[in-house]
């Protein structure tokens, strides 16, 4: 593993769960850190770990990732404290489930606002500093295997992760010509308390169509997370992916069966019929532009027709 002395990383939601695993992995590799938090108790626990390890204390920044003005203040604080940002990890998110056909606007607004909106807010606020830091800097947007795998109780959650996936893949092509890497991290089951998000629903989004939270059922569901991967291991795999500038980082190996099913169903769904030459040419240009973008060339609409 490379050493990253004097490089700076910012991890949203970096004081607990997966975010803290990522923070520890980055600290172990030499990064200086800024970490956002909402729960002051988790902040204290995280600070204790860094002190025990004899590490530089992170710059702790209180942040609601849906608060755009505060995100701008956080960006200014990181710039003022470090003067650079080599790695932005948009990690903060919530895991909230319920029947999609019963969902209200409050359910959509909360889940999409945190899981997708926080990524957008982080990019708008911090991309200028990442760009100023220059070639070799990197962005990781944390999604989930739900970016590929949908489920009957996870419609809005899945939609938010599909959205993060699409955004990240496009952003990678946008920033490649500037020498800035972009990765999508899709972790599977991880040993965190992410399952209890429904207990922390803000009052502004109380009008849920999912019904009252069944605490016993949710706690039983949360017990499955005890079987998950250690967050530190996920963080170490994230770091290896960044070092290799991989666009897609999978931390868990147990999804081959799912991907075979997706591939086979997708191929089978394609109509078996002739395609007009003009359409074939447009798709050829699209594929060529995609390959050129991945190789680091700036692409415009003119390249697609």
Protein backbone atom coordinates (compact mmCIF):
# COMPACT_ATOMS: atom_id res chain seq x y z
CA UNK A 1 0.00 0.00 0.00
CA UNK A 2 1.23 3.49 -0.89
CA UNK A 3 1.90 6.05 1.81
CA UNK A 4 0.08 9.34 1.58
CA UNK A 5 1.91 11.62 4.00
CA UNK A 6 0.65 15.21 3.91
CA UNK A 7 -2.25 14.35 1.60
CA UNK A 8 -5.67 15.45 2.86
CA UNK A 9 -8.96 13.56 2.80
CA UNK A 10 -12.46 14.60 3.81
CA UNK A 11 -14.99 11.90 4.72
CA UNK A 12 -18.62 12.82 5.28
CA UNK A 13 -20.18 10.86 8.13
CA UNK A 14 -16.65 9.91 9.09
CA UNK A 15 -16.95 9.31 12.84
CA UNK A 16 -19.01 6.11 12.94
CA UNK A 17 -19.89 3.04 10.93
CA UNK A 18 -18.47 2.71 7.44
CA UNK A 19 -17.23 6.30 7.45
CA UNK A 20 -15.09 5.66 10.51
CA UNK A 21 -13.71 2.48 8.93
CA UNK A 22 -12.73 4.53 5.89
CA UNK A 23 -11.23 7.24 8.10
CA UNK A 24 -9.10 4.71 9.99
CA UNK A 25 -7.85 3.12 6.77
CA UNK A 26 -6.89 6.53 5.38
CA UNK A 27 -5.20 7.55 8.63
CA UNK A 28 -3.24 4.29 8.66
CA UNK A 29 -1.95 5.18 5.19
CA UNK A 30 -0.80 8.65 6.25
CA UNK A 31 -3.66 10.92 5.22
CA UNK A 32 -4.49 14.00 7.22
CA UNK A 33 -8.23 14.06 7.79
CA UNK A 34 -11.30 16.23 7.97
CA UNK A 35 -14.37 14.33 9.19
CA UNK A 36 -17.95 15.48 9.34
CA UNK A 37 -20.32 14.39 12.08
CA UNK A 38 -23.80 14.94 13.49
CA UNK A 39 -23.68 12.90 16.71
CA UNK A 40 -21.27 14.50 19.23
CA UNK A 41 -20.87 11.21 21.12
CA UNK A 42 -19.53 9.51 18.00
CA UNK A 43 -17.20 12.46 17.48
CA UNK A 44 -15.77 11.98 20.98
CA UNK A 45 -15.28 8.25 20.42
CA UNK A 46 -13.54 8.88 17.09
CA UNK A 47 -11.26 11.52 18.61
CA UNK A 48 -10.31 9.04 21.35
CA UNK A 49 -9.17 6.49 18.74
CA UNK A 50 -6.92 9.00 16.98
CA UNK A 51 -5.43 10.07 20.30
CA UNK A 52 -4.79 6.45 21.31
CA UNK A 53 -2.99 5.85 18.02
CA UNK A 54 -0.84 8.95 18.47
CA UNK A 55 -2.22 10.43 15.26
CA UNK A 56 -2.90 14.01 14.33
CA UNK A 57 -6.43 14.93 15.40
CA UNK A 58 -8.79 15.24 12.44
CA UNK A 59 -10.53 18.49 11.68
CA UNK A 60 -13.99 17.63 13.01
CA UNK A 61 -16.80 19.52 11.31
CA UNK A 62 -20.43 19.36 12.37
CA UNK A 63 -22.53 18.95 9.25
CA UNK A 64 -26.03 18.06 8.17
CA UNK A 65 -25.25 16.92 4.62
CA UNK A 66 -28.56 18.33 3.34
CA UNK A 67 -27.59 21.84 4.55
CA UNK A 68 -26.08 23.57 1.52
CA UNK A 69 -24.97 26.80 3.24
CA UNK A 70 -23.26 24.76 5.97
CA UNK A 71 -21.55 22.60 3.33
CA UNK A 72 -20.07 25.77 1.85
CA UNK A 73 -18.78 26.74 5.31
CA UNK A 74 -17.24 23.29 5.72
CA UNK A 75 -15.46 23.64 2.37
CA UNK A 76 -14.05 26.99 3.46
CA UNK A 77 -12.91 25.50 6.78
CA UNK A 78 -11.06 22.65 5.03
CA UNK A 79 -9.44 25.11 2.64
CA UNK A 80 -8.43 27.41 5.49
CA UNK A 81 -7.05 24.60 7.64
CA UNK A 82 -5.27 22.49 5.02
CA UNK A 83 -5.20 24.57 1.83
CA UNK A 84 -5.83 21.47 -0.27
CA UNK A 85 -8.09 18.42 -0.67
CA UNK A 86 -6.62 15.31 -2.27
CA UNK A 87 -9.47 12.90 -1.58
CA UNK A 88 -13.18 13.62 -1.14
CA UNK A 89 -15.22 10.67 0.16
CA UNK A 90 -18.95 11.34 -0.07
CA UNK A 91 -19.99 8.64 2.37
CA UNK A 92 -22.92 9.92 4.46
CA UNK A 93 -26.24 8.20 3.83
CA UNK A 94 -29.30 6.59 5.40
CA UNK A 95 -30.84 3.13 5.06
CA UNK A 96 -34.62 3.44 5.15
CA UNK A 97 -36.96 0.82 3.74
CA UNK A 98 -40.68 0.41 3.14
CA UNK A 99 -43.21 -0.44 0.40
CA UNK A 100 -42.62 1.94 -2.49
CA UNK A 101 -46.28 1.93 -3.52
CA UNK A 102 -47.18 3.49 -0.15
CA UNK A 103 -44.44 6.16 -0.15
CA UNK A 104 -45.25 9.83 0.33
CA UNK A 105 -43.36 12.90 -0.85
CA UNK A 106 -41.79 13.02 2.61
CA UNK A 107 -40.27 9.57 2.07
CA UNK A 108 -38.90 10.53 -1.34
CA UNK A 109 -37.61 13.89 -0.15
CA UNK A 110 -35.81 12.51 2.89
CA UNK A 111 -34.17 9.45 1.35
CA UNK A 112 -33.24 11.06 -1.96
CA UNK A 113 -32.25 14.28 -0.21
CA UNK A 114 -29.70 12.52 1.97
CA UNK A 115 -28.45 9.70 -0.26
CA UNK A 116 -28.28 11.59 -3.54
CA UNK A 117 -28.56 15.20 -2.42
CA UNK A 118 -25.59 14.88 -0.06
CA UNK A 119 -23.40 13.73 -2.97
CA UNK A 120 -24.50 16.69 -5.06
CA UNK A 121 -23.92 19.08 -2.16
CA UNK A 122 -20.45 17.67 -1.51
CA UNK A 123 -19.48 17.98 -5.16
CA UNK A 124 -20.75 21.53 -5.58
CA UNK A 125 -19.07 22.70 -2.38
CA UNK A 126 -15.76 20.84 -2.62
CA UNK A 127 -14.99 20.13 -6.27
CA UNK A 128 -13.38 23.58 -6.68
CA UNK A 129 -10.86 22.73 -3.94
CA UNK A 130 -10.24 19.26 -5.40
CA UNK A 131 -9.65 20.80 -8.82
CA UNK A 132 -7.30 23.39 -7.34
CA UNK A 133 -5.34 20.61 -5.65
CA UNK A 134 -4.97 19.23 -9.13
CA UNK A 135 -3.97 16.02 -10.93
CA UNK A 136 -3.75 12.98 -8.71
CA UNK A 137 -6.63 14.06 -6.49
CA UNK A 138 -9.65 11.81 -6.29
CA UNK A 139 -13.35 11.59 -5.46
CA UNK A 140 -15.15 8.53 -4.10
CA UNK A 141 -18.93 8.45 -4.01
CA UNK A 142 -20.21 5.73 -1.71
CA UNK A 143 -23.32 3.94 -2.97
CA UNK A 144 -24.22 0.33 -2.16
CA UNK A 145 -24.79 -2.95 -3.96
CA UNK A 146 -28.30 -1.51 -4.20
CA UNK A 147 -26.87 0.53 -7.07
CA UNK A 148 -27.24 -2.72 -9.03
CA UNK A 149 -29.67 -4.86 -7.01
CA UNK A 150 -33.23 -3.71 -6.36
CA UNK A 151 -35.57 -5.08 -3.70
CA UNK A 152 -39.29 -4.91 -2.87
CA UNK A 153 -38.75 -2.97 0.38
CA UNK A 154 -36.01 -0.67 -0.90
CA UNK A 155 -37.48 1.21 -3.86
CA UNK A 156 -36.48 4.77 -2.95
CA UNK A 157 -33.23 3.66 -1.32
CA UNK A 158 -32.39 1.74 -4.51
CA UNK A 159 -33.34 4.70 -6.68
CA UNK A 160 -30.98 6.92 -4.70
CA UNK A 161 -28.10 4.47 -5.15
CA UNK A 162 -28.79 3.98 -8.87
CA UNK A 163 -28.66 7.78 -9.17
CA UNK A 164 -25.30 7.96 -7.37
CA UNK A 165 -23.95 5.27 -9.70
CA UNK A 166 -25.01 7.11 -12.87
CA UNK A 167 -23.70 10.44 -11.63
CA UNK A 168 -20.36 8.95 -10.61
CA UNK A 169 -19.79 7.15 -13.91
CA UNK A 170 -20.45 10.38 -15.82
CA UNK A 171 -18.33 12.48 -13.48
CA UNK A 172 -15.38 10.13 -13.97
CA UNK A 173 -15.47 10.90 -17.70
CA UNK A 174 -15.75 14.65 -17.00
CA UNK A 175 -12.73 14.79 -14.71
CA UNK A 176 -10.40 12.31 -16.42
CA UNK A 177 -8.93 14.97 -18.75
CA UNK A 178 -7.95 16.97 -15.65
CA UNK A 179 -6.12 14.03 -14.10
CA UNK A 180 -8.67 13.70 -11.30
CA UNK A 181 -9.93 10.22 -10.50
CA UNK A 182 -13.50 9.32 -9.61
CA UNK A 183 -14.64 6.03 -8.09
CA UNK A 184 -17.93 4.45 -7.12
CA UNK A 185 -17.76 2.31 -3.97
CA UNK A 186 -20.54 -0.27 -3.69
CA UNK A 187 -20.23 -2.10 -0.36
CA UNK A 188 -22.38 -5.06 0.58
CA UNK A 189 -23.38 -6.04 4.09
CA UNK A 190 -21.10 -4.18 6.52
CA UNK A 191 -20.97 -4.35 10.30
CA UNK A 192 -22.49 -0.95 11.09
CA UNK A 193 -25.62 0.54 12.63
CA UNK A 194 -26.83 1.88 9.27
CA UNK A 195 -30.01 -0.18 9.65
CA UNK A 196 -31.41 2.08 12.40
CA UNK A 197 -31.85 5.22 10.27
CA UNK A 198 -35.64 5.02 10.50
CA UNK A 199 -35.38 5.73 14.24
CA UNK A 200 -33.84 9.11 13.39
CA UNK A 201 -36.36 10.44 10.87
CA UNK A 202 -36.45 14.25 11.09
CA UNK A 203 -39.74 15.86 12.09
CA UNK A 204 -39.88 17.69 8.75
CA UNK A 205 -40.31 14.31 7.02
CA UNK A 206 -42.66 12.72 9.55
CA UNK A 207 -45.52 12.22 7.08
CA UNK A 208 -44.33 8.77 5.94
CA UNK A 209 -46.36 6.31 3.97
CA UNK A 210 -44.34 3.46 5.45
CA UNK A 211 -46.29 3.53 8.71
CA UNK A 212 -44.99 3.60 12.27
CA UNK A 213 -41.56 2.08 12.81
CA UNK A 214 -41.81 -1.45 14.20
CA UNK A 215 -38.86 -1.30 16.57
CA UNK A 216 -38.73 -5.03 17.26
CA UNK A 217 -38.83 -5.97 13.58
CA UNK A 218 -36.24 -3.36 12.65
CA UNK A 219 -33.93 -4.52 15.44
CA UNK A 220 -34.23 -8.13 14.24
CA UNK A 221 -33.38 -6.94 10.74
CA UNK A 222 -30.41 -5.06 12.16
CA UNK A 223 -29.04 -8.26 13.69
CA UNK A 224 -28.10 -9.37 10.16
CA UNK A 225 -25.55 -6.55 10.06
CA UNK A 226 -23.56 -8.37 12.74
CA UNK A 227 -22.54 -10.78 9.96
CA UNK A 228 -21.23 -7.93 7.83
CA UNK A 229 -17.69 -7.08 6.76
CA UNK A 230 -15.53 -5.05 9.14
CA UNK A 231 -15.80 -1.37 8.09
CA UNK A 232 -12.00 -1.07 8.29
CA UNK A 233 -11.66 -3.79 5.66
CA UNK A 234 -14.06 -1.93 3.38
CA UNK A 235 -12.01 1.24 3.95
CA UNK A 236 -8.79 -0.56 3.03
CA UNK A 237 -10.37 -1.84 -0.18
CA UNK A 238 -11.56 1.68 -0.96
CA UNK A 239 -8.00 2.94 -0.58
CA UNK A 240 -6.59 0.24 -2.87
CA UNK A 241 -9.20 1.16 -5.47
CA UNK A 242 -8.24 4.82 -5.26
CA UNK A 243 -4.55 4.00 -5.58
CA UNK A 244 -5.30 1.96 -8.72
CA UNK A 245 -7.69 4.67 -10.00
CA UNK A 246 -10.47 2.14 -10.45
CA UNK A 247 -13.80 3.59 -11.48
CA UNK A 248 -15.72 0.82 -9.73
CA UNK A 249 -14.79 -0.56 -6.32
CA UNK A 250 -16.57 -3.67 -5.07
CA UNK A 251 -15.62 -4.66 -1.55
CA UNK A 252 -17.68 -7.85 -1.23
CA UNK A 253 -17.19 -10.92 -3.46
CA UNK A 254 -20.54 -12.66 -2.96
CA UNK A 255 -22.58 -11.17 -5.83
CA UNK A 256 -21.48 -13.15 -8.91
CA UNK A 257 -24.81 -14.99 -9.08
CA UNK A 258 -26.73 -11.71 -9.08
CA UNK A 259 -24.62 -10.21 -11.84
CA UNK A 260 -25.01 -13.32 -14.01
CA UNK A 261 -28.79 -13.05 -13.62
CA UNK A 262 -28.75 -9.34 -14.49
CA UNK A 263 -26.59 -9.97 -17.56
CA UNK A 264 -28.66 -12.88 -18.83
CA UNK A 265 -31.98 -11.08 -18.28
CA UNK A 266 -30.67 -7.95 -20.02
CA UNK A 267 -29.41 -9.83 -23.07
CA UNK A 268 -32.64 -11.83 -23.28
CA UNK A 269 -34.72 -8.63 -23.19
CA UNK A 270 -33.06 -7.16 -26.30
CA UNK A 271 -35.25 -7.56 -29.41
CA UNK A 272 -33.81 -9.95 -32.01
CA UNK A 273 -34.31 -7.81 -35.12
CA UNK A 274 -32.31 -5.83 -37.69
CA UNK A 275 -31.10 -2.35 -36.72
CA UNK A 276 -31.00 0.54 -39.25
CA UNK A 277 -27.50 1.61 -40.26
CA UNK A 278 -28.03 5.16 -39.02
CA UNK A 279 -28.83 4.02 -35.48
CA UNK A 280 -25.88 1.65 -35.50
CA UNK A 281 -23.59 4.53 -36.42
CA UNK A 282 -24.91 6.73 -33.60
CA UNK A 283 -24.28 3.93 -31.09
CA UNK A 284 -20.80 3.37 -32.53
CA UNK A 285 -19.99 7.04 -31.98
CA UNK A 286 -21.35 6.86 -28.42
CA UNK A 287 -19.17 3.86 -27.59
CA UNK A 288 -16.12 5.50 -29.18
CA UNK A 289 -16.71 8.67 -27.16
CA UNK A 290 -17.08 6.64 -23.97
CA UNK A 291 -13.76 4.88 -24.58
CA UNK A 292 -12.07 8.17 -25.39
CA UNK A 293 -13.46 9.73 -22.20
CA UNK A 294 -12.15 6.85 -20.12
CA UNK A 295 -8.77 7.41 -21.75
CA UNK A 296 -8.79 11.04 -20.63
CA UNK A 297 -10.13 13.01 -23.60
CA UNK A 298 -12.69 15.77 -23.07
CA UNK A 299 -15.95 14.87 -24.84
CA UNK A 300 -18.58 17.28 -26.17
CA UNK A 301 -21.98 16.78 -27.81
CA UNK A 302 -20.23 17.13 -31.16
CA UNK A 303 -18.52 13.79 -30.54
CA UNK A 304 -21.87 11.99 -30.33
CA UNK A 305 -23.25 12.75 -33.79
